[in-house]
C-alpha atoms as a PDB file:
ATOM      1  CA  MET A   1     -20.750   4.839  -6.178  1.00  0.00           C
ATOM      2  CA  CYS A   2     -17.095   4.201  -6.980  1.00  0.00           C
ATOM      3  CA  VAL A   3     -14.476   6.777  -7.912  1.00  0.00           C
ATOM      4  CA  VAL A   4     -10.735   6.804  -8.421  1.00  0.00           C
ATOM      5  CA  SER A   5      -9.734   9.096  -5.574  1.00  0.00           C
ATOM      6  CA  ARG A   6      -6.005   8.781  -6.206  1.00  0.00           C
ATOM      7  CA  ARG A   7      -4.232   7.929  -9.445  1.00  0.00           C
ATOM      8  CA  GLY A   8      -0.988   6.038  -9.253  1.00  0.00           C
ATOM      9  CA  ASP A   9       1.418   4.591 -11.773  1.00  0.00           C
ATOM     10  CA  SER A  10      -0.432   2.712 -14.520  1.00  0.00           C
ATOM     11  CA  ILE A  11       2.095  -0.136 -14.507  1.00  0.00           C
ATOM     12  CA  ALA A  12       3.567  -0.402 -11.020  1.00  0.00           C
ATOM     13  CA  GLY A  13       0.875   1.047  -8.770  1.00  0.00           C
ATOM     14  CA  GLN A  14      -0.856  -1.131  -6.185  1.00  0.00           C
ATOM     15  CA  VAL A  15      -4.607  -0.713  -5.657  1.00  0.00           C
ATOM     16  CA  PHE A  16      -6.190   0.072  -2.290  1.00  0.00           C
ATOM     17  CA  ILE A  17      -9.963   0.074  -1.839  1.00  0.00           C
ATOM     18  CA  GLU A  18     -11.458   2.514   0.664  1.00  0.00           C
ATOM     19  CA  VAL A  19     -15.103   1.850   1.609  1.00  0.00           C
ATOM     20  CA  ASP A  20     -17.433   4.384   3.214  1.00  0.00           C
ATOM     21  CA  HIS A  21     -20.225   2.307   4.780  1.00  0.00           C
ATOM     22  CA  LEU A  22     -22.480   5.395   5.029  1.00  0.00           C
ATOM     23  CA  ASP A  23     -22.911   4.818   8.766  1.00  0.00           C
ATOM     24  CA  GLY A  24     -19.908   6.760  10.052  1.00  0.00           C
ATOM     25  CA  THR A  25     -17.472   3.870   9.563  1.00  0.00           C
ATOM     26  CA  ALA A  26     -14.990   2.929   6.864  1.00  0.00           C
ATOM     27  CA  SER A  27     -13.048  -0.151   5.773  1.00  0.00           C
ATOM     28  CA  LEU A  28      -9.776  -0.551   3.894  1.00  0.00           C
ATOM     29  CA  TYR A  29      -8.800  -3.388   1.579  1.00  0.00           C
ATOM     30  CA  THR A  30      -5.206  -3.785   0.410  1.00  0.00           C
ATOM     31  CA  PRO A  31      -3.466  -6.248  -1.909  1.00  0.00           C
ATOM     32  CA  ALA A  32      -2.952  -9.595  -0.202  1.00  0.00           C
ATOM     33  CA  PRO A  33       0.619 -10.817   0.268  1.00  0.00           C
ATOM     34  CA  ILE A  34       1.650 -13.391  -2.330  1.00  0.00           C
ATOM     35  CA  ALA A  35       2.324 -16.006   0.384  1.00  0.00           C
ATOM     36  CA  SER A  36      -1.281 -15.867   1.616  1.00  0.00           C
ATOM     37  CA  ARG A  37      -2.873 -16.483  -1.783  1.00  0.00           C
ATOM     38  CA  GLN A  38      -4.160 -19.796  -3.064  1.00  0.00           C
ATOM     39  CA  GLN A  39      -2.427 -21.392  -6.042  1.00  0.00           C
ATOM     40  CA  ASP A  40      -5.473 -20.886  -8.273  1.00  0.00           C
ATOM     41  CA  ASP A  41      -5.840 -17.146  -7.530  1.00  0.00           C
ATOM     42  CA  ALA A  42      -5.446 -15.553 -10.944  1.00  0.00           C
ATOM     43  CA  GLY A  43      -6.347 -11.898 -10.510  1.00  0.00           C
ATOM     44  CA  LEU A  44      -6.191  -9.273  -7.831  1.00  0.00           C
ATOM     45  CA  VAL A  45      -6.697 -10.666  -4.334  1.00  0.00           C
ATOM     46  CA  PHE A  46      -7.223  -8.400  -1.344  1.00  0.00           C
ATOM     47  CA  GLN A  47      -7.110  -8.553   2.430  1.00  0.00           C
ATOM     48  CA  CYS A  48      -9.170  -6.492   4.845  1.00  0.00           C
ATOM     49  CA  ARG A  49      -6.842  -4.180   6.786  1.00  0.00           C
ATOM     50  CA  PHE A  50      -9.532  -2.236   8.651  1.00  0.00           C
ATOM     51  CA  HIS A  51     -13.181  -3.236   9.030  1.00  0.00           C
ATOM     52  CA  HIS A  52     -15.814  -0.670  10.091  1.00  0.00           C
ATOM     53  CA  VAL A  53     -13.422   1.721  11.828  1.00  0.00           C
ATOM     54  CA  GLU A  54     -13.349   5.502  12.156  1.00  0.00           C
ATOM     55  CA  PRO A  55     -12.743   7.016   8.681  1.00  0.00           C
ATOM     56  CA  ALA A  56      -9.728   8.976   9.987  1.00  0.00           C
ATOM     57  CA  LYS A  57      -7.922   5.698  10.684  1.00  0.00           C
ATOM     58  CA  VAL A  58      -8.333   4.631   7.047  1.00  0.00           C
ATOM     59  CA  ARG A  59      -7.262   8.067   5.717  1.00  0.00           C
ATOM     60  CA  ASP A  60      -4.179   8.072   7.968  1.00  0.00           C
ATOM     61  CA  ARG A  61      -3.144   4.617   6.779  1.00  0.00           C
ATOM     62  CA  ILE A  62      -3.535   5.616   3.129  1.00  0.00           C
ATOM     63  CA  ALA A  63      -1.477   8.780   3.719  1.00  0.00           C
ATOM     64  CA  ARG A  64       1.343   6.744   5.298  1.00  0.00           C
ATOM     65  CA  GLU A  65       1.289   4.270   2.405  1.00  0.00           C
ATOM     66  CA  VAL A  66       1.431   7.091  -0.174  1.00  0.00           C
ATOM     67  CA  GLU A  67       4.549   8.465   1.528  1.00  0.00           C
ATOM     68  CA  PHE A  68       6.135   5.033   1.129  1.00  0.00           C
ATOM     69  CA  ASP A  69       4.708   4.232  -2.326  1.00  0.00           C
ATOM     70  CA  PRO A  70       3.684   7.284  -4.405  1.00  0.00           C
ATOM     71  CA  ASP A  71       2.548   4.951  -7.232  1.00  0.00           C
ATOM     72  CA  LEU A  72      -0.456   3.840  -5.146  1.00  0.00           C
ATOM     73  CA  TRP A  73      -4.002   3.922  -6.541  1.00  0.00           C
ATOM     74  CA  VAL A  74      -7.030   4.400  -4.270  1.00  0.00           C
ATOM     75  CA  LEU A  75     -10.566   3.438  -5.255  1.00  0.00           C
ATOM     76  CA  SER A  76     -13.258   4.929  -3.010  1.00  0.00           C
ATOM     77  CA  LEU A  77     -16.650   3.254  -2.702  1.00  0.00           C
ATOM     78  CA  ASP A  78     -19.883   4.142  -0.932  1.00  0.00           C
ATOM     79  CA  LEU A  79     -21.419   0.842   0.175  1.00  0.00           C
ATOM     80  CA  ARG A  80     -23.931   0.025   2.881  1.00  0.00           C
ATOM     81  CA  GLY A  81     -23.080  -3.685   3.035  1.00  0.00           C
ATOM     82  CA  ASP A  82     -19.849  -5.636   3.157  1.00  0.00           C
ATOM     83  CA  ASP A  83     -19.926  -7.463  -0.194  1.00  0.00           C
ATOM     84  CA  LEU A  84     -17.536  -5.623  -2.491  1.00  0.00           C
ATOM     85  CA  GLY A  85     -17.502  -8.398  -5.065  1.00  0.00           C
ATOM     86  CA  ILE A  86     -13.723  -8.813  -4.820  1.00  0.00           C
ATOM     87  CA  ASP A  87     -11.557 -11.822  -4.006  1.00  0.00           C
ATOM     88  CA  LEU A  88     -10.362 -11.868  -0.393  1.00  0.00           C
ATOM     89  CA  VAL A  89      -7.770 -14.111   1.204  1.00  0.00           C
ATOM     90  CA  LYS A  90      -9.251 -16.690   3.488  1.00  0.00           C
END
């Protein structure tokens, strides 16, 4: 299941992806820095900030980011595996 758990600005808001792995852990994916992207990356490219950590760590990071950037969007997914189907930096 995927829901928009936080709506940001429709033009300027960055997108964070919060994953509940349904095993007591969570992961967080954030937009990848421009410098780390390949030249042929056309769309949204993400990096894994936290991988299978305590959910509170992910929630705390999102809260700190929202204080800095109130335009932030957060998509929340329930996913047992690790394949989100998104582009990740290598």
